[in-house]
Amino acid sequence: MRSRGFTLIELVVVIVVLGSVAVLVSQFLGTGTLLYRDGAEQQRRLAEGRFVLERLSRELADAHPMSLRLHDGSGNLAACVEFVPLRGAGGYLGQAVGRSSLTLVSGG
Protein backbone atom coordinates (compact mmCIF):
# COMPACT_ATOMS: atom_id res chain seq x y z
CA MET A 1 0.00 0.00 0.00
CA ARG A 2 1.28 3.34 -1.02
CA SER A 3 0.64 6.41 1.20
CA ARG A 4 -0.29 9.73 -0.27
CA GLY A 5 1.55 12.93 0.72
CA PHE A 6 4.71 14.92 0.25
CA THR A 7 8.20 13.94 1.17
CA LEU A 8 10.34 16.12 3.41
CA ILE A 9 12.58 17.10 0.47
CA GLU A 10 9.57 18.30 -1.55
CA LEU A 11 8.36 20.44 1.35
CA VAL A 12 11.81 21.99 1.87
CA VAL A 13 12.11 22.78 -1.87
CA VAL A 14 8.69 24.48 -1.89
CA ILE A 15 9.56 26.54 1.22
CA VAL A 16 12.86 27.68 -0.34
CA VAL A 17 11.18 28.63 -3.63
CA LEU A 18 8.36 30.53 -1.88
CA GLY A 19 10.90 32.33 0.34
CA SER A 20 12.91 33.41 -2.71
CA VAL A 21 9.77 34.70 -4.43
CA ALA A 22 8.74 36.59 -1.27
CA VAL A 23 12.15 38.28 -1.03
CA LEU A 24 12.05 39.37 -4.67
CA VAL A 25 8.49 40.72 -4.37
CA SER A 26 9.28 42.63 -1.17
CA GLN A 27 12.34 44.26 -2.80
CA PHE A 28 10.26 45.23 -5.83
CA LEU A 29 7.54 46.79 -3.66
CA GLY A 30 10.12 48.53 -1.46
CA THR A 31 11.79 50.13 -4.48
CA GLY A 32 8.42 51.30 -5.81
CA THR A 33 7.55 52.82 -2.44
CA LEU A 34 10.86 54.70 -2.29
CA LEU A 35 10.40 56.06 -5.81
CA TYR A 36 6.88 57.23 -4.99
CA ARG A 37 8.02 58.94 -1.78
CA ASP A 38 10.89 60.72 -3.53
CA GLY A 39 8.59 61.87 -6.35
CA ALA A 40 5.97 63.16 -3.91
CA GLU A 41 8.64 65.08 -1.97
CA GLN A 42 9.98 66.62 -5.17
CA GLN A 43 6.47 67.68 -6.22
CA ARG A 44 5.89 69.26 -2.79
CA ARG A 45 9.13 71.23 -3.03
CA LEU A 46 8.33 72.39 -6.57
CA ALA A 47 4.88 73.57 -5.49
CA GLU A 48 6.38 75.42 -2.53
CA GLY A 49 8.95 77.07 -4.81
CA ARG A 50 6.25 78.15 -7.26
CA PHE A 51 4.25 79.65 -4.39
CA VAL A 52 7.26 81.59 -3.11
CA LEU A 53 8.10 82.93 -6.57
CA GLU A 54 4.49 83.97 -7.20
CA ARG A 55 4.22 85.74 -3.86
CA LEU A 56 7.58 87.48 -4.30
CA SER A 57 6.66 88.67 -7.79
CA ARG A 58 3.34 90.05 -6.49
CA GLU A 59 5.08 91.77 -3.57
CA LEU A 60 7.63 93.35 -5.90
CA ALA A 61 4.94 94.45 -8.35
CA ASP A 62 3.02 96.20 -5.55
CA ALA A 63 6.09 97.75 -3.89
CA HIS A 64 6.58 101.49 -3.95
CA PRO A 65 9.94 103.21 -4.39
CA MET A 66 11.91 103.53 -1.16
CA SER A 67 9.73 100.95 0.64
CA LEU A 68 12.45 98.28 0.80
CA ARG A 69 14.52 97.80 3.95
CA LEU A 70 17.58 95.53 3.98
CA HIS A 71 18.99 96.56 7.37
CA ASP A 72 17.51 96.15 10.80
CA GLY A 73 17.25 99.03 13.25
CA SER A 74 20.84 98.71 14.51
CA GLY A 75 22.40 99.01 11.04
CA ASN A 76 23.16 95.30 10.63
CA LEU A 77 22.22 93.54 7.42
CA ALA A 78 18.79 91.94 7.88
CA ALA A 79 18.21 88.24 7.34
CA CYS A 80 15.36 88.86 4.89
CA VAL A 81 13.90 91.54 2.66
CA GLU A 82 11.20 93.67 4.28
CA PHE A 83 8.75 95.94 2.53
CA VAL A 84 7.90 98.86 4.79
CA PRO A 85 4.24 99.91 4.48
CA LEU A 86 3.70 103.45 3.28
CA ARG A 87 0.99 105.75 4.53
CA GLY A 88 1.05 107.69 1.28
CA ALA A 89 2.91 107.68 -1.97
CA GLY A 90 3.28 110.11 -4.80
CA GLY A 91 5.40 110.95 -7.78
CA TYR A 92 7.10 114.07 -9.04
CA LEU A 93 5.83 115.71 -12.20
CA GLY A 94 7.65 118.25 -14.32
CA GLN A 95 11.13 117.60 -12.98
CA ALA A 96 13.52 119.82 -14.93
CA VAL A 97 17.21 120.44 -14.51
CA GLY A 98 17.83 123.70 -12.72
CA ARG A 99 14.28 124.16 -11.40
CA SER A 100 14.04 125.02 -7.77
CA SER A 101 10.47 123.79 -7.27
CA LEU A 102 8.81 120.48 -8.02
CA THR A 103 5.12 119.65 -8.36
CA LEU A 104 3.99 116.70 -6.25
CA VAL A 105 1.16 114.61 -7.64
CA SER A 106 -0.62 112.71 -4.87
CA GLY A 107 -1.13 109.00 -5.42
CA GLY A 108 -4.68 107.61 -4.92
C-alpha atoms as a PDB file:
ATOM      1  CA  MET A   1       0.000   0.000   0.000  1.00  0.00           C
ATOM      2  CA  ARG A   2       1.280   3.338  -1.024  1.00  0.00           C
ATOM      3  CA  SER A   3       0.642   6.410   1.195  1.00  0.00           C
ATOM      4  CA  ARG A   4      -0.288   9.728  -0.271  1.00  0.00           C
ATOM      5  CA  GLY A   5       1.552  12.928   0.718  1.00  0.00           C
ATOM      6  CA  PHE A   6       4.706  14.916   0.249  1.00  0.00           C
ATOM      7  CA  THR A   7       8.200  13.944   1.167  1.00  0.00           C
ATOM      8  CA  LEU A   8      10.336  16.119   3.407  1.00  0.00           C
ATOM      9  CA  ILE A   9      12.577  17.101   0.471  1.00  0.00           C
ATOM     10  CA  GLU A  10       9.575  18.303  -1.555  1.00  0.00           C
ATOM     11  CA  LEU A  11       8.360  20.444   1.353  1.00  0.00           C
ATOM     12  CA  VAL A  12      11.815  21.994   1.865  1.00  0.00           C
ATOM     13  CA  VAL A  13      12.112  22.783  -1.872  1.00  0.00           C
ATOM     14  CA  VAL A  14       8.686  24.482  -1.891  1.00  0.00           C
ATOM     15  CA  ILE A  15       9.563  26.540   1.223  1.00  0.00           C
ATOM     16  CA  VAL A  16      12.860  27.680  -0.336  1.00  0.00           C
ATOM     17  CA  VAL A  17      11.178  28.625  -3.635  1.00  0.00           C
ATOM     18  CA  LEU A  18       8.364  30.530  -1.880  1.00  0.00           C
ATOM     19  CA  GLY A  19      10.902  32.326   0.339  1.00  0.00           C
ATOM     20  CA  SER A  20      12.911  33.408  -2.706  1.00  0.00           C
ATOM     21  CA  VAL A  21       9.774  34.704  -4.431  1.00  0.00           C
ATOM     22  CA  ALA A  22       8.742  36.593  -1.271  1.00  0.00           C
ATOM     23  CA  VAL A  23      12.151  38.283  -1.026  1.00  0.00           C
ATOM     24  CA  LEU A  24      12.049  39.371  -4.673  1.00  0.00           C
ATOM     25  CA  VAL A  25       8.486  40.715  -4.374  1.00  0.00           C
ATOM     26  CA  SER A  26       9.285  42.635  -1.174  1.00  0.00           C
ATOM     27  CA  GLN A  27      12.337  44.263  -2.800  1.00  0.00           C
ATOM     28  CA  PHE A  28      10.258  45.234  -5.833  1.00  0.00           C
ATOM     29  CA  LEU A  29       7.542  46.792  -3.658  1.00  0.00           C
ATOM     30  CA  GLY A  30      10.123  48.534  -1.459  1.00  0.00           C
ATOM     31  CA  THR A  31      11.792  50.131  -4.480  1.00  0.00           C
ATOM     32  CA  GLY A  32       8.423  51.299  -5.808  1.00  0.00           C
ATOM     33  CA  THR A  33       7.552  52.820  -2.445  1.00  0.00           C
ATOM     34  CA  LEU A  34      10.863  54.704  -2.286  1.00  0.00           C
ATOM     35  CA  LEU A  35      10.403  56.055  -5.809  1.00  0.00           C
ATOM     36  CA  TYR A  36       6.877  57.232  -4.988  1.00  0.00           C
ATOM     37  CA  ARG A  37       8.021  58.939  -1.776  1.00  0.00           C
ATOM     38  CA  ASP A  38      10.888  60.722  -3.535  1.00  0.00           C
ATOM     39  CA  GLY A  39       8.586  61.866  -6.350  1.00  0.00           C
ATOM     40  CA  ALA A  40       5.972  63.162  -3.910  1.00  0.00           C
ATOM     41  CA  GLU A  41       8.641  65.079  -1.967  1.00  0.00           C
ATOM     42  CA  GLN A  42       9.983  66.616  -5.171  1.00  0.00           C
ATOM     43  CA  GLN A  43       6.471  67.675  -6.217  1.00  0.00           C
ATOM     44  CA  ARG A  44       5.894  69.261  -2.792  1.00  0.00           C
ATOM     45  CA  ARG A  45       9.126  71.235  -3.030  1.00  0.00           C
ATOM     46  CA  LEU A  46       8.326  72.387  -6.572  1.00  0.00           C
ATOM     47  CA  ALA A  47       4.876  73.566  -5.487  1.00  0.00           C
ATOM     48  CA  GLU A  48       6.383  75.417  -2.531  1.00  0.00           C
ATOM     49  CA  GLY A  49       8.953  77.074  -4.807  1.00  0.00           C
ATOM     50  CA  ARG A  50       6.246  78.150  -7.262  1.00  0.00           C
ATOM     51  CA  PHE A  51       4.250  79.647  -4.394  1.00  0.00           C
ATOM     52  CA  VAL A  52       7.261  81.588  -3.107  1.00  0.00           C
ATOM     53  CA  LEU A  53       8.096  82.930  -6.574  1.00  0.00           C
ATOM     54  CA  GLU A  54       4.487  83.973  -7.195  1.00  0.00           C
ATOM     55  CA  ARG A  55       4.219  85.739  -3.859  1.00  0.00           C
ATOM     56  CA  LEU A  56       7.576  87.476  -4.301  1.00  0.00           C
ATOM     57  CA  SER A  57       6.660  88.675  -7.790  1.00  0.00           C
ATOM     58  CA  ARG A  58       3.341  90.050  -6.485  1.00  0.00           C
ATOM     59  CA  GLU A  59       5.084  91.771  -3.572  1.00  0.00           C
ATOM     60  CA  LEU A  60       7.631  93.353  -5.896  1.00  0.00           C
ATOM     61  CA  ALA A  61       4.940  94.451  -8.349  1.00  0.00           C
ATOM     62  CA  ASP A  62       3.024  96.200  -5.546  1.00  0.00           C
ATOM     63  CA  ALA A  63       6.093  97.746  -3.895  1.00  0.00           C
ATOM     64  CA  HIS A  64       6.578 101.493  -3.951  1.00  0.00           C
ATOM     65  CA  PRO A  65       9.939 103.206  -4.392  1.00  0.00           C
ATOM     66  CA  MET A  66      11.910 103.533  -1.161  1.00  0.00           C
ATOM     67  CA  SER A  67       9.735 100.946   0.642  1.00  0.00           C
ATOM     68  CA  LEU A  68      12.447  98.282   0.802  1.00  0.00           C
ATOM     69  CA  ARG A  69      14.516  97.795   3.946  1.00  0.00           C
ATOM     70  CA  LEU A  70      17.582  95.533   3.984  1.00  0.00           C
ATOM     71  CA  HIS A  71      18.990  96.562   7.370  1.00  0.00           C
ATOM     72  CA  ASP A  72      17.514  96.149  10.799  1.00  0.00           C
ATOM     73  CA  GLY A  73      17.245  99.034  13.255  1.00  0.00           C
ATOM     74  CA  SER A  74      20.842  98.715  14.511  1.00  0.00           C
ATOM     75  CA  GLY A  75      22.400  99.010  11.042  1.00  0.00           C
ATOM     76  CA  ASN A  76      23.156  95.298  10.628  1.00  0.00           C
ATOM     77  CA  LEU A  77      22.220  93.544   7.419  1.00  0.00           C
ATOM     78  CA  ALA A  78      18.788  91.937   7.884  1.00  0.00           C
ATOM     79  CA  ALA A  79      18.206  88.236   7.341  1.00  0.00           C
ATOM     80  CA  CYS A  80      15.359  88.864   4.891  1.00  0.00           C
ATOM     81  CA  VAL A  81      13.902  91.544   2.663  1.00  0.00           C
ATOM     82  CA  GLU A  82      11.205  93.668   4.275  1.00  0.00           C
ATOM     83  CA  PHE A  83       8.747  95.944   2.529  1.00  0.00           C
ATOM     84  CA  VAL A  84       7.896  98.864   4.794  1.00  0.00           C
ATOM     85  CA  PRO A  85       4.240  99.907   4.479  1.00  0.00           C
ATOM     86  CA  LEU A  86       3.703 103.447   3.278  1.00  0.00           C
ATOM     87  CA  ARG A  87       0.991 105.750   4.531  1.00  0.00           C
ATOM     88  CA  GLY A  88       1.051 107.694   1.281  1.00  0.00           C
ATOM     89  CA  ALA A  89       2.915 107.684  -1.971  1.00  0.00           C
ATOM     90  CA  GLY A  90       3.280 110.111  -4.802  1.00  0.00           C
ATOM     91  CA  GLY A  91       5.401 110.947  -7.784  1.00  0.00           C
ATOM     92  CA  TYR A  92       7.103 114.071  -9.044  1.00  0.00           C
ATOM     93  CA  LEU A  93       5.826 115.709 -12.203  1.00  0.00           C
ATOM     94  CA  GLY A  94       7.651 118.246 -14.318  1.00  0.00           C
ATOM     95  CA  GLN A  95      11.127 117.598 -12.981  1.00  0.00           C
ATOM     96  CA  ALA A  96      13.518 119.818 -14.934  1.00  0.00           C
ATOM     97  CA  VAL A  97      17.213 120.440 -14.513  1.00  0.00           C
ATOM     98  CA  GLY A  98      17.831 123.696 -12.718  1.00  0.00           C
ATOM     99  CA  ARG A  99      14.279 124.156 -11.403  1.00  0.00           C
ATOM    100  CA  SER A 100      14.043 125.025  -7.766  1.00  0.00           C
ATOM    101  CA  SER A 101      10.472 123.793  -7.270  1.00  0.00           C
ATOM    102  CA  LEU A 102       8.811 120.483  -8.019  1.00  0.00           C
ATOM    103  CA  THR A 103       5.122 119.652  -8.364  1.00  0.00           C
ATOM    104  CA  LEU A 104       3.990 116.699  -6.245  1.00  0.00           C
ATOM    105  CA  VAL A 105       1.156 114.607  -7.637  1.00  0.00           C
ATOM    106  CA  SER A 106      -0.620 112.707  -4.874  1.00  0.00           C
ATOM    107  CA  GLY A 107      -1.130 109.001  -5.421  1.00  0.00           C
ATOM    108  CA  GLY A 108      -4.676 107.614  -4.920  1.00  0.00           C
END
